[in-house]
């Protein structure tokens, strides 16, 4: 029983025990393989993150639209959703700065003094955009106590910084006030609007 392996002290090994050290060549090979795997995996990971950001942004907007409608019905008064930060509505299509949900008894689509704020949406990351397009071309989306819109059928479009249409997302809204996410029905990777056309992001 001549086998003896000395621990952590760094002494000699007897009985044919083999050193478990790694050569420099083996280490460099492992590092190169790891770098190659990272180079292959990172673009796919970035793409996944982009899709998650797009989905999160449009889901939050859809939830805000549905919440505003529910508030109008439950509170029996008009409620509005408008772009802007703070306590006032901002300029048209400044949705990237955030959004405001409030009771709007006079139905003018502007938050006047004393009108109750029900909620807010946080700003989008830099470069991301949200566009509201609807009949009557108003800045705010207003729901009546019946749950109907104020004749504002239209859509809210999310666009990534580079305008990639495969990452564009849309909420479609009908005049009855029902909102849904646009879907890709033909499998080309781009969601379609209410008319069945692939959505596109503005160039400016």
Foldseek 3Di string as FASTA:
>chain_A
DPFDDDPPPPDDGDDPDDDPDDDPVRVVVVVVVVVVVCVVVVVVVVVVVLLVLLVVVVVVVLVLLVVLLVCLQVVVAKKKKAADDDQWHDDAFNCLQKIWIWTDRVQPRIDDPPTGTDDIGHHHPPQKGKHWDWPPPDRMWMAHNQSFTPRTWTKIKIAHNVFPQLSIWMWGADRSSDIDTFADPPPPSFGAYPVRHGDTDDPD
